PDB file of N, CA and C in Angstrom:
ATOM      1  N   UNK A   1      16.368 -12.113   4.094  1.00  0.00           N
ATOM      2  CA  UNK A   1      16.315 -10.818   3.432  1.00  0.00           C
ATOM      3  C   UNK A   1      15.466  -9.867   4.277  1.00  0.00           C
ATOM      4  N   UNK A   2      15.981  -8.702   4.606  1.00  0.00           N
ATOM      5  CA  UNK A   2      15.197  -7.747   5.398  1.00  0.00           C
ATOM      6  C   UNK A   2      13.988  -7.243   4.621  1.00  0.00           C
ATOM      7  N   UNK A   3      12.918  -7.005   5.346  1.00  0.00           N
ATOM      8  CA  UNK A   3      11.745  -6.414   4.712  1.00  0.00           C
ATOM      9  C   UNK A   3      12.085  -4.972   4.348  1.00  0.00           C
ATOM     10  N   UNK A   4      11.831  -4.600   3.091  1.00  0.00           N
ATOM     11  CA  UNK A   4      12.182  -3.261   2.611  1.00  0.00           C
ATOM     12  C   UNK A   4      11.006  -2.542   1.948  1.00  0.00           C
ATOM     13  N   UNK A   5      10.028  -3.306   1.503  1.00  0.00           N
ATOM     14  CA  UNK A   5       8.939  -2.704   0.737  1.00  0.00           C
ATOM     15  C   UNK A   5       7.632  -3.375   1.140  1.00  0.00           C
ATOM     16  N   UNK A   6       6.554  -2.600   1.143  1.00  0.00           N
ATOM     17  CA  UNK A   6       5.241  -3.121   1.491  1.00  0.00           C
ATOM     18  C   UNK A   6       4.220  -2.561   0.514  1.00  0.00           C
ATOM     19  N   UNK A   7       3.231  -3.365   0.179  1.00  0.00           N
ATOM     20  CA  UNK A   7       2.183  -2.920  -0.744  1.00  0.00           C
ATOM     21  C   UNK A   7       0.812  -3.187  -0.146  1.00  0.00           C
ATOM     22  N   UNK A   8      -0.098  -2.259  -0.388  1.00  0.00           N
ATOM     23  CA  UNK A   8      -1.501  -2.425  -0.002  1.00  0.00           C
ATOM     24  C   UNK A   8      -2.313  -2.744  -1.243  1.00  0.00           C
ATOM     25  N   UNK A   9      -3.439  -3.422  -1.044  1.00  0.00           N
ATOM     26  CA  UNK A   9      -4.301  -3.728  -2.181  1.00  0.00           C
ATOM     27  C   UNK A   9      -5.412  -2.696  -2.340  1.00  0.00           C
ATOM     28  N   UNK A  10      -5.321  -1.591  -1.624  1.00  0.00           N
ATOM     29  CA  UNK A  10      -6.281  -0.498  -1.744  1.00  0.00           C
ATOM     30  C   UNK A  10      -5.497   0.786  -1.989  1.00  0.00           C
ATOM     31  N   UNK A  11      -6.214   1.792  -2.472  1.00  0.00           N
ATOM     32  CA  UNK A  11      -5.587   3.085  -2.751  1.00  0.00           C
ATOM     33  C   UNK A  11      -6.291   4.184  -1.974  1.00  0.00           C
ATOM     34  N   UNK A  12      -5.598   5.287  -1.803  1.00  0.00           N
ATOM     35  CA  UNK A  12      -6.154   6.449  -1.112  1.00  0.00           C
ATOM     36  C   UNK A  12      -7.463   6.863  -1.775  1.00  0.00           C
ATOM     37  N   UNK A  13      -8.518   6.994  -0.969  1.00  0.00           N
ATOM     38  CA  UNK A  13      -9.806   7.452  -1.472  1.00  0.00           C
ATOM     39  C   UNK A  13     -10.734   6.357  -1.953  1.00  0.00           C
ATOM     40  N   UNK A  14     -10.328   5.079  -1.835  1.00  0.00           N
ATOM     41  CA  UNK A  14     -11.186   3.976  -2.280  1.00  0.00           C
ATOM     42  C   UNK A  14     -12.478   3.906  -1.474  1.00  0.00           C
ATOM     43  N   UNK A  15     -13.557   3.516  -2.160  1.00  0.00           N
ATOM     44  CA  UNK A  15     -14.828   3.224  -1.517  1.00  0.00           C
ATOM     45  C   UNK A  15     -14.941   1.715  -1.380  1.00  0.00           C
ATOM     46  N   UNK A  16     -15.143   1.245  -0.160  1.00  0.00           N
ATOM     47  CA  UNK A  16     -15.263  -0.182   0.118  1.00  0.00           C
ATOM     48  C   UNK A  16     -16.512  -0.403   0.951  1.00  0.00           C
ATOM     49  N   UNK A  17     -16.808  -1.664   1.248  1.00  0.00           N
ATOM     50  CA  UNK A  17     -18.030  -2.027   1.947  1.00  0.00           C
ATOM     51  C   UNK A  17     -17.702  -2.764   3.230  1.00  0.00           C
ATOM     52  N   UNK A  18     -18.545  -2.581   4.247  1.00  0.00           N
ATOM     53  CA  UNK A  18     -18.389  -3.339   5.487  1.00  0.00           C
ATOM     54  C   UNK A  18     -18.306  -4.822   5.139  1.00  0.00           C
ATOM     55  N   UNK A  19     -17.348  -5.507   5.704  1.00  0.00           N
ATOM     56  CA  UNK A  19     -17.130  -6.925   5.427  1.00  0.00           C
ATOM     57  C   UNK A  19     -16.031  -7.179   4.422  1.00  0.00           C
ATOM     58  N   UNK A  20     -15.625  -6.151   3.674  1.00  0.00           N
ATOM     59  CA  UNK A  20     -14.519  -6.314   2.732  1.00  0.00           C
ATOM     60  C   UNK A  20     -13.222  -6.572   3.495  1.00  0.00           C
ATOM     61  N   UNK A  21     -12.285  -7.209   2.818  1.00  0.00           N
ATOM     62  CA  UNK A  21     -10.986  -7.514   3.406  1.00  0.00           C
ATOM     63  C   UNK A  21      -9.925  -6.761   2.627  1.00  0.00           C
ATOM     64  N   UNK A  22      -9.070  -6.042   3.351  1.00  0.00           N
ATOM     65  CA  UNK A  22      -7.935  -5.390   2.705  1.00  0.00           C
ATOM     66  C   UNK A  22      -6.673  -6.148   3.097  1.00  0.00           C
ATOM     67  N   UNK A  23      -5.632  -6.000   2.273  1.00  0.00           N
ATOM     68  CA  UNK A  23      -4.429  -6.798   2.478  1.00  0.00           C
ATOM     69  C   UNK A  23      -3.182  -5.955   2.269  1.00  0.00           C
ATOM     70  N   UNK A  24      -2.138  -6.279   3.035  1.00  0.00           N
ATOM     71  CA  UNK A  24      -0.819  -5.722   2.761  1.00  0.00           C
ATOM     72  C   UNK A  24       0.169  -6.878   2.671  1.00  0.00           C
ATOM     73  N   UNK A  25       1.168  -6.699   1.818  1.00  0.00           N
ATOM     74  CA  UNK A  25       2.175  -7.733   1.599  1.00  0.00           C
ATOM     75  C   UNK A  25       3.553  -7.094   1.548  1.00  0.00           C
ATOM     76  N   UNK A  26       4.526  -7.791   2.093  1.00  0.00           N
ATOM     77  CA  UNK A  26       5.905  -7.322   2.080  1.00  0.00           C
ATOM     78  C   UNK A  26       6.645  -7.937   0.904  1.00  0.00           C
ATOM     79  N   UNK A  27       7.838  -7.395   0.621  1.00  0.00           N
ATOM     80  CA  UNK A  27       8.630  -7.861  -0.518  1.00  0.00           C
ATOM     81  C   UNK A  27       9.279  -9.211  -0.268  1.00  0.00           C
ATOM     82  N   UNK A  28       9.227  -9.713   0.958  1.00  0.00           N
ATOM     83  CA  UNK A  28       9.857 -10.987   1.272  1.00  0.00           C
ATOM     84  C   UNK A  28       9.008 -11.754   2.271  1.00  0.00           C
ATOM     85  N   UNK A  29       9.155 -13.065   2.287  1.00  0.00           N
ATOM     86  CA  UNK A  29       8.449 -13.887   3.261  1.00  0.00           C
ATOM     87  C   UNK A  29       9.420 -14.610   4.185  1.00  0.00           C
ATOM     88  N   UNK A  30      10.715 -14.601   3.839  1.00  0.00           N
ATOM     89  CA  UNK A  30      11.711 -15.317   4.642  1.00  0.00           C
ATOM     90  C   UNK A  30      12.902 -14.415   4.900  1.00  0.00           C
ATOM     91  N   UNK A  31      13.356 -14.242   6.127  1.00  0.00           N
ATOM     92  CA  UNK A  31      12.758 -14.865   7.301  1.00  0.00           C
ATOM     93  C   UNK A  31      11.337 -14.349   7.504  1.00  0.00           C
ATOM     94  N   UNK A  32      10.553 -15.036   8.340  1.00  0.00           N
ATOM     95  CA  UNK A  32       9.136 -14.693   8.490  1.00  0.00           C
ATOM     96  C   UNK A  32       8.904 -13.207   8.760  1.00  0.00           C
ATOM     97  N   UNK A  33       7.849 -12.692   8.162  1.00  0.00           N
ATOM     98  CA  UNK A  33       7.460 -11.299   8.319  1.00  0.00           C
ATOM     99  C   UNK A  33       6.207 -11.249   9.183  1.00  0.00           C
ATOM    100  N   UNK A  34       6.196 -10.346  10.138  1.00  0.00           N
ATOM    101  CA  UNK A  34       5.016 -10.111  10.967  1.00  0.00           C
ATOM    102  C   UNK A  34       4.414  -8.773  10.568  1.00  0.00           C
ATOM    103  N   UNK A  35       3.122  -8.625  10.845  1.00  0.00           N
ATOM    104  CA  UNK A  35       2.397  -7.435  10.430  1.00  0.00           C
ATOM    105  C   UNK A  35       1.508  -6.931  11.560  1.00  0.00           C
ATOM    106  N   UNK A  36       1.223  -5.624  11.495  1.00  0.00           N
ATOM    107  CA  UNK A  36       0.123  -5.080  12.282  1.00  0.00           C
ATOM    108  C   UNK A  36      -0.425  -3.859  11.556  1.00  0.00           C
ATOM    109  N   UNK A  37      -1.673  -3.532  11.878  1.00  0.00           N
ATOM    110  CA  UNK A  37      -2.376  -2.418  11.249  1.00  0.00           C
ATOM    111  C   UNK A  37      -2.519  -1.286  12.251  1.00  0.00           C
ATOM    112  N   UNK A  38      -2.492  -0.057  11.737  1.00  0.00           N
ATOM    113  CA  UNK A  38      -2.706   1.120  12.563  1.00  0.00           C
ATOM    114  C   UNK A  38      -3.773   2.002  11.935  1.00  0.00           C
ATOM    115  N   UNK A  39      -4.526   2.681  12.805  1.00  0.00           N
ATOM    116  CA  UNK A  39      -5.562   3.623  12.369  1.00  0.00           C
ATOM    117  C   UNK A  39      -5.258   4.989  12.972  1.00  0.00           C
ATOM    118  N   UNK A  40      -5.405   6.012  12.155  1.00  0.00           N
ATOM    119  CA  UNK A  40      -5.158   7.384  12.605  1.00  0.00           C
ATOM    120  C   UNK A  40      -6.403   7.872  13.345  1.00  0.00           C
ATOM    121  N   UNK A  41      -6.220   8.230  14.624  1.00  0.00           N
ATOM    122  CA  UNK A  41      -7.316   8.735  15.451  1.00  0.00           C
ATOM    123  C   UNK A  41      -6.797   9.922  16.244  1.00  0.00           C
ATOM    124  N   UNK A  42      -7.471  11.056  16.114  1.00  0.00           N
ATOM    125  CA  UNK A  42      -7.096  12.259  16.875  1.00  0.00           C
ATOM    126  C   UNK A  42      -5.607  12.580  16.788  1.00  0.00           C
ATOM    127  N   UNK A  43      -5.094  12.645  15.583  1.00  0.00           N
ATOM    128  CA  UNK A  43      -3.708  13.049  15.324  1.00  0.00           C
ATOM    129  C   UNK A  43      -2.647  12.052  15.815  1.00  0.00           C
ATOM    130  N   UNK A  44      -3.042  10.811  16.117  1.00  0.00           N
ATOM    131  CA  UNK A  44      -2.048   9.815  16.509  1.00  0.00           C
ATOM    132  C   UNK A  44      -2.409   8.469  15.881  1.00  0.00           C
ATOM    133  N   UNK A  45      -1.423   7.600  15.774  1.00  0.00           N
ATOM    134  CA  UNK A  45      -1.621   6.266  15.210  1.00  0.00           C
ATOM    135  C   UNK A  45      -1.886   5.285  16.341  1.00  0.00           C
ATOM    136  N   UNK A  46      -2.979   4.524  16.217  1.00  0.00           N
ATOM    137  CA  UNK A  46      -3.337   3.514  17.203  1.00  0.00           C
ATOM    138  C   UNK A  46      -3.339   2.146  16.549  1.00  0.00           C
ATOM    139  N   UNK A  47      -2.712   1.180  17.215  1.00  0.00           N
ATOM    140  CA  UNK A  47      -2.664  -0.176  16.668  1.00  0.00           C
ATOM    141  C   UNK A  47      -4.027  -0.825  16.791  1.00  0.00           C
ATOM    142  N   UNK A  48      -4.454  -1.467  15.702  1.00  0.00           N
ATOM    143  CA  UNK A  48      -5.743  -2.155  15.707  1.00  0.00           C
ATOM    144  C   UNK A  48      -5.590  -3.549  16.294  1.00  0.00           C
ATOM    145  N   UNK A  49      -6.578  -3.954  17.054  1.00  0.00           N
ATOM    146  CA  UNK A  49      -6.618  -5.323  17.564  1.00  0.00           C
ATOM    147  C   UNK A  49      -7.162  -6.203  16.449  1.00  0.00           C
ATOM    148  N   UNK A  50      -6.475  -7.300  16.181  1.00  0.00           N
ATOM    149  CA  UNK A  50      -6.922  -8.221  15.148  1.00  0.00           C
ATOM    150  C   UNK A  50      -7.305  -9.540  15.780  1.00  0.00           C
ATOM    151  N   UNK A  51      -8.313 -10.187  15.199  1.00  0.00           N
ATOM    152  CA  UNK A  51      -8.841 -11.430  15.750  1.00  0.00           C
ATOM    153  C   UNK A  51      -7.867 -12.590  15.626  1.00  0.00           C
ATOM    154  N   UNK A  52      -7.067 -12.579  14.558  1.00  0.00           N
ATOM    155  CA  UNK A  52      -6.164 -13.723  14.349  1.00  0.00           C
ATOM    156  C   UNK A  52      -4.728 -13.244  14.269  1.00  0.00           C
ATOM    157  N   UNK A  53      -3.829 -14.117  14.644  1.00  0.00           N
ATOM    158  CA  UNK A  53      -2.409 -13.812  14.565  1.00  0.00           C
ATOM    159  C   UNK A  53      -1.913 -14.271  13.212  1.00  0.00           C
ATOM    160  N   UNK A  54      -1.661 -13.319  12.315  1.00  0.00           N
ATOM    161  CA  UNK A  54      -1.270 -13.704  10.966  1.00  0.00           C
ATOM    162  C   UNK A  54       0.200 -13.416  10.699  1.00  0.00           C
ATOM    163  N   UNK A  55       0.983 -13.216  11.719  1.00  0.00           N
ATOM    164  CA  UNK A  55       2.407 -12.955  11.526  1.00  0.00           C
ATOM    165  C   UNK A  55       3.078 -14.104  10.806  1.00  0.00           C
ATOM    166  N   UNK A  56       3.925 -13.771   9.842  1.00  0.00           N
ATOM    167  CA  UNK A  56       4.659 -14.789   9.125  1.00  0.00           C
ATOM    168  C   UNK A  56       3.886 -15.456   8.012  1.00  0.00           C
ATOM    169  N   UNK A  57       2.714 -14.967   7.699  1.00  0.00           N
ATOM    170  CA  UNK A  57       1.905 -15.533   6.631  1.00  0.00           C
ATOM    171  C   UNK A  57       2.492 -15.111   5.286  1.00  0.00           C
ATOM    172  N   UNK A  58       2.755 -16.068   4.403  1.00  0.00           N
ATOM    173  CA  UNK A  58       3.333 -15.755   3.092  1.00  0.00           C
ATOM    174  C   UNK A  58       2.439 -14.831   2.268  1.00  0.00           C
ATOM    175  N   UNK A  59       1.128 -14.820   2.544  1.00  0.00           N
ATOM    176  CA  UNK A  59       0.194 -13.991   1.791  1.00  0.00           C
ATOM    177  C   UNK A  59       0.084 -12.579   2.355  1.00  0.00           C
ATOM    178  N   UNK A  60       0.769 -12.279   3.440  1.00  0.00           N
ATOM    179  CA  UNK A  60       0.682 -10.958   4.033  1.00  0.00           C
ATOM    180  C   UNK A  60      -0.325 -10.918   5.157  1.00  0.00           C
ATOM    181  N   UNK A  61      -0.853  -9.740   5.399  1.00  0.00           N
ATOM    182  CA  UNK A  61      -1.810  -9.537   6.477  1.00  0.00           C
ATOM    183  C   UNK A  61      -3.122  -9.043   5.910  1.00  0.00           C
ATOM    184  N   UNK A  62      -4.218  -9.601   6.401  1.00  0.00           N
ATOM    185  CA  UNK A  62      -5.542  -9.194   5.944  1.00  0.00           C
ATOM    186  C   UNK A  62      -6.308  -8.567   7.098  1.00  0.00           C
ATOM    187  N   UNK A  63      -7.089  -7.536   6.783  1.00  0.00           N
ATOM    188  CA  UNK A  63      -7.900  -6.841   7.770  1.00  0.00           C
ATOM    189  C   UNK A  63      -9.316  -6.734   7.238  1.00  0.00           C
ATOM    190  N   UNK A  64     -10.284  -7.284   7.995  1.00  0.00           N
ATOM    191  CA  UNK A  64     -11.699  -7.192   7.598  1.00  0.00           C
ATOM    192  C   UNK A  64     -12.280  -5.903   8.168  1.00  0.00           C
ATOM    193  N   UNK A  65     -12.926  -5.128   7.313  1.00  0.00           N
ATOM    194  CA  UNK A  65     -13.530  -3.863   7.713  1.00  0.00           C
ATOM    195  C   UNK A  65     -14.905  -4.155   8.312  1.00  0.00           C
ATOM    196  N   UNK A  66     -15.075  -3.841   9.599  1.00  0.00           N
ATOM    197  CA  UNK A  66     -16.271  -4.289  10.301  1.00  0.00           C
ATOM    198  C   UNK A  66     -17.328  -3.214  10.538  1.00  0.00           C
ATOM    199  N   UNK A  67     -16.984  -1.947  10.403  1.00  0.00           N
ATOM    200  CA  UNK A  67     -17.967  -0.889  10.614  1.00  0.00           C
ATOM    201  C   UNK A  67     -17.835   0.192   9.550  1.00  0.00           C
ATOM    202  N   UNK A  68     -18.950   0.857   9.274  1.00  0.00           N
ATOM    203  CA  UNK A  68     -18.961   1.928   8.278  1.00  0.00           C
ATOM    204  C   UNK A  68     -18.278   3.164   8.840  1.00  0.00           C
ATOM    205  N   UNK A  69     -17.733   3.983   7.949  1.00  0.00           N
ATOM    206  CA  UNK A  69     -17.101   5.227   8.349  1.00  0.00           C
ATOM    207  C   UNK A  69     -15.930   5.563   7.451  1.00  0.00           C
ATOM    208  N   UNK A  70     -15.206   6.584   7.828  1.00  0.00           N
ATOM    209  CA  UNK A  70     -14.004   6.994   7.111  1.00  0.00           C
ATOM    210  C   UNK A  70     -12.813   6.567   7.951  1.00  0.00           C
ATOM    211  N   UNK A  71     -11.902   5.822   7.347  1.00  0.00           N
ATOM    212  CA  UNK A  71     -10.746   5.298   8.061  1.00  0.00           C
ATOM    213  C   UNK A  71      -9.459   5.763   7.392  1.00  0.00           C
ATOM    214  N   UNK A  72      -8.484   6.160   8.191  1.00  0.00           N
ATOM    215  CA  UNK A  72      -7.135   6.406   7.700  1.00  0.00           C
ATOM    216  C   UNK A  72      -6.299   5.273   8.292  1.00  0.00           C
ATOM    217  N   UNK A  73      -5.789   4.403   7.411  1.00  0.00           N
ATOM    218  CA  UNK A  73      -5.100   3.193   7.839  1.00  0.00           C
ATOM    219  C   UNK A  73      -3.707   3.103   7.231  1.00  0.00           C
ATOM    220  N   UNK A  74      -2.862   2.330   7.896  1.00  0.00           N
ATOM    221  CA  UNK A  74      -1.575   1.953   7.333  1.00  0.00           C
ATOM    222  C   UNK A  74      -1.204   0.586   7.911  1.00  0.00           C
ATOM    223  N   UNK A  75      -0.280  -0.067   7.240  1.00  0.00           N
ATOM    224  CA  UNK A  75       0.171  -1.382   7.657  1.00  0.00           C
ATOM    225  C   UNK A  75       1.671  -1.323   7.933  1.00  0.00           C
ATOM    226  N   UNK A  76       2.103  -2.053   8.950  1.00  0.00           N
ATOM    227  CA  UNK A  76       3.515  -2.133   9.295  1.00  0.00           C
ATOM    228  C   UNK A  76       3.948  -3.591   9.180  1.00  0.00           C
ATOM    229  N   UNK A  77       5.058  -3.819   8.493  1.00  0.00           N
ATOM    230  CA  UNK A  77       5.632  -5.164   8.360  1.00  0.00           C
ATOM    231  C   UNK A  77       7.028  -5.134   8.970  1.00  0.00           C
ATOM    232  N   UNK A  78       7.391  -6.233   9.637  1.00  0.00           N
ATOM    233  CA  UNK A  78       8.728  -6.278  10.235  1.00  0.00           C
ATOM    234  C   UNK A  78       9.228  -7.716  10.330  1.00  0.00           C
ATOM    235  N   UNK A  79      10.551  -7.858  10.336  1.00  0.00           N
ATOM    236  CA  UNK A  79      11.165  -9.156  10.592  1.00  0.00           C
ATOM    237  C   UNK A  79      12.463  -8.948  11.357  1.00  0.00           C
ATOM    238  N   UNK A  80      12.961 -10.033  11.937  1.00  0.00           N
ATOM    239  CA  UNK A  80      14.166  -9.990  12.754  1.00  0.00           C
ATOM    240  C   UNK A  80      15.221 -10.879  12.107  1.00  0.00           C
ATOM    241  N   UNK A  81      16.405 -10.300  11.899  1.00  0.00           N
ATOM    242  CA  UNK A  81      17.534 -11.034  11.320  1.00  0.00           C
ATOM    243  C   UNK A  81      18.753 -10.771  12.198  1.00  0.00           C
ATOM    244  N   UNK A  82      19.300 -11.825  12.744  1.00  0.00           N
ATOM    245  CA  UNK A  82      20.505 -11.713  13.588  1.00  0.00           C
ATOM    246  C   UNK A  82      20.365 -10.622  14.641  1.00  0.00           C
ATOM    247  N   UNK A  83      19.302 -10.667  15.395  1.00  0.00           N
ATOM    248  CA  UNK A  83      19.045  -9.764  16.517  1.00  0.00           C
ATOM    249  C   UNK A  83      18.773  -8.316  16.100  1.00  0.00           C
ATOM    250  N   UNK A  84      18.585  -8.056  14.818  1.00  0.00           N
ATOM    251  CA  UNK A  84      18.218  -6.723  14.351  1.00  0.00           C
ATOM    252  C   UNK A  84      16.809  -6.770  13.777  1.00  0.00           C
ATOM    253  N   UNK A  85      16.016  -5.770  14.094  1.00  0.00           N
ATOM    254  CA  UNK A  85      14.645  -5.695  13.587  1.00  0.00           C
ATOM    255  C   UNK A  85      14.599  -4.737  12.407  1.00  0.00           C
ATOM    256  N   UNK A  86      14.001  -5.200  11.328  1.00  0.00           N
ATOM    257  CA  UNK A  86      13.815  -4.391  10.119  1.00  0.00           C
ATOM    258  C   UNK A  86      12.320  -4.175   9.953  1.00  0.00           C
ATOM    259  N   UNK A  87      11.909  -2.942   9.748  1.00  0.00           N
ATOM    260  CA  UNK A  87      10.487  -2.698   9.542  1.00  0.00           C
ATOM    261  C   UNK A  87      10.265  -1.659   8.468  1.00  0.00           C
ATOM    262  N   UNK A  88       9.078  -1.709   7.920  1.00  0.00           N
ATOM    263  CA  UNK A  88       8.660  -0.756   6.894  1.00  0.00           C
ATOM    264  C   UNK A  88       7.179  -0.483   7.105  1.00  0.00           C
ATOM    265  N   UNK A  89       6.803   0.773   6.882  1.00  0.00           N
ATOM    266  CA  UNK A  89       5.419   1.197   7.056  1.00  0.00           C
ATOM    267  C   UNK A  89       4.857   1.633   5.714  1.00  0.00           C
ATOM    268  N   UNK A  90       3.647   1.183   5.418  1.00  0.00           N
ATOM    269  CA  UNK A  90       3.011   1.581   4.164  1.00  0.00           C
ATOM    270  C   UNK A  90       2.625   3.052   4.231  1.00  0.00           C
ATOM    271  N   UNK A  91       2.340   3.622   3.079  1.00  0.00           N
ATOM    272  CA  UNK A  91       1.746   4.950   3.062  1.00  0.00           C
ATOM    273  C   UNK A  91       0.351   4.835   3.663  1.00  0.00           C
ATOM    274  N   UNK A  92      -0.117   5.896   4.270  1.00  0.00           N
ATOM    275  CA  UNK A  92      -1.472   5.855   4.815  1.00  0.00           C
ATOM    276  C   UNK A  92      -2.484   6.024   3.685  1.00  0.00           C
ATOM    277  N   UNK A  93      -3.627   5.373   3.852  1.00  0.00           N
ATOM    278  CA  UNK A  93      -4.711   5.488   2.880  1.00  0.00           C
ATOM    279  C   UNK A  93      -5.994   5.852   3.620  1.00  0.00           C
ATOM    280  N   UNK A  94      -6.788   6.697   2.989  1.00  0.00           N
ATOM    281  CA  UNK A  94      -8.109   7.032   3.513  1.00  0.00           C
ATOM    282  C   UNK A  94      -9.120   6.180   2.774  1.00  0.00           C
ATOM    283  N   UNK A  95      -9.905   5.411   3.532  1.00  0.00           N
ATOM    284  CA  UNK A  95     -10.925   4.541   2.946  1.00  0.00           C
ATOM    285  C   UNK A  95     -12.302   4.985   3.412  1.00  0.00           C
ATOM    286  N   UNK A  96     -13.256   4.942   2.501  1.00  0.00           N
ATOM    287  CA  UNK A  96     -14.638   5.269   2.807  1.00  0.00           C
ATOM    288  C   UNK A  96     -15.410   3.958   2.844  1.00  0.00           C
ATOM    289  N   UNK A  97     -15.785   3.536   4.047  1.00  0.00           N
ATOM    290  CA  UNK A  97     -16.422   2.240   4.235  1.00  0.00           C
ATOM    291  C   UNK A  97     -17.925   2.434   4.319  1.00  0.00           C
ATOM    292  N   UNK A  98     -18.647   1.822   3.376  1.00  0.00           N
ATOM    293  CA  UNK A  98     -20.091   1.924   3.252  1.00  0.00           C
ATOM    294  C   UNK A  98     -20.743   0.704   3.882  1.00  0.00           C
ATOM    295  N   UNK A  99     -21.923   0.884   4.460  1.00  0.00           N
ATOM    296  CA  UNK A  99     -22.638  -0.222   5.100  1.00  0.00           C
ATOM    297  C   UNK A  99     -23.546  -0.966   4.131  1.00  0.00           C
ATOM    298  N   UNK A 100     -23.470  -0.671   2.841  1.00  0.00           N
ATOM    299  CA  UNK A 100     -24.311  -1.323   1.841  1.00  0.00           C
ATOM    300  C   UNK A 100     -24.155  -2.836   1.900  1.00  0.00           C
ATOM    301  N   UNK A 101     -25.256  -3.552   1.748  1.00  0.00           N
ATOM    302  CA  UNK A 101     -25.226  -5.011   1.775  1.00  0.00           C
ATOM    303  C   UNK A 101     -25.072  -5.611   0.381  1.00  0.00           C
ATOM    304  N   UNK A 102     -24.988  -4.765  -0.646  1.00  0.00           N
ATOM    305  CA  UNK A 102     -24.930  -5.285  -2.010  1.00  0.00           C
ATOM    306  C   UNK A 102     -23.669  -6.100  -2.278  1.00  0.00           C
ATOM    307  N   UNK A 103     -22.526  -5.643  -1.787  1.00  0.00           N
ATOM    308  CA  UNK A 103     -21.264  -6.323  -2.052  1.00  0.00           C
ATOM    309  C   UNK A 103     -20.621  -6.847  -0.772  1.00  0.00           C
ATOM    310  N   UNK A 104     -21.428  -7.202   0.210  1.00  0.00           N
ATOM    311  CA  UNK A 104     -20.915  -7.598   1.515  1.00  0.00           C
ATOM    312  C   UNK A 104     -19.919  -8.740   1.412  1.00  0.00           C
ATOM    313  N   UNK A 105     -18.734  -8.512   1.928  1.00  0.00           N
ATOM    314  CA  UNK A 105     -17.759  -9.577   2.074  1.00  0.00           C
ATOM    315  C   UNK A 105     -16.874  -9.850   0.881  1.00  0.00           C
ATOM    316  N   UNK A 106     -16.773  -8.943  -0.080  1.00  0.00           N
ATOM    317  CA  UNK A 106     -15.851  -9.217  -1.184  1.00  0.00           C
ATOM    318  C   UNK A 106     -14.424  -9.089  -0.675  1.00  0.00           C
ATOM    319  N   UNK A 107     -13.518  -9.798  -1.267  1.00  0.00           N
ATOM    320  CA  UNK A 107     -12.126  -9.780  -0.836  1.00  0.00           C
ATOM    321  C   UNK A 107     -11.306  -9.041  -1.874  1.00  0.00           C
ATOM    322  N   UNK A 108     -10.779  -7.896  -1.495  1.00  0.00           N
ATOM    323  CA  UNK A 108      -9.909  -7.136  -2.392  1.00  0.00           C
ATOM    324  C   UNK A 108      -8.523  -7.732  -2.262  1.00  0.00           C
ATOM    325  N   UNK A 109      -7.987  -8.214  -3.321  1.00  0.00           N
ATOM    326  CA  UNK A 109      -6.699  -8.885  -3.234  1.00  0.00           C
ATOM    327  C   UNK A 109      -5.780  -8.372  -4.334  1.00  0.00           C
ATOM    328  N   UNK A 110      -4.633  -7.912  -3.941  1.00  0.00           N
ATOM    329  CA  UNK A 110      -3.654  -7.394  -4.893  1.00  0.00           C
ATOM    330  C   UNK A 110      -2.667  -8.508  -5.208  1.00  0.00           C
ATOM    331  N   UNK A 111      -2.457  -8.768  -6.463  1.00  0.00           N
ATOM    332  CA  UNK A 111      -1.501  -9.803  -6.867  1.00  0.00           C
ATOM    333  C   UNK A 111      -0.420  -9.139  -7.701  1.00  0.00           C
ATOM    334  N   UNK A 112       0.830  -9.380  -7.333  1.00  0.00           N
ATOM    335  CA  UNK A 112       1.934  -8.776  -8.086  1.00  0.00           C
ATOM    336  C   UNK A 112       3.008  -9.791  -8.308  1.00  0.00           C
TER     337      UNK A 112
END
């Protein structure tokens, strides 16, 4: 089944903390779905380097927020079926990442 829909576990304008994990998930896991994250910088989208290769993970893709600041992010999911690539991009979200140590490392997880 081609990937057609993607969901994020955060919303535009959310306040999060350094160390929190955000997640995106596609509407299908088979055939395997790969993911990557992009950040808006100077009017263009730049792909983020991730520490682990999580392509094809049934749980989607997770991104740990490592520094404080304001981030505009989106997630891209794609899969290949019979030599055709299907992809979908999430809506962009603006996140306000705080360096507070009170909630360091909580995992925001969307379940649907």
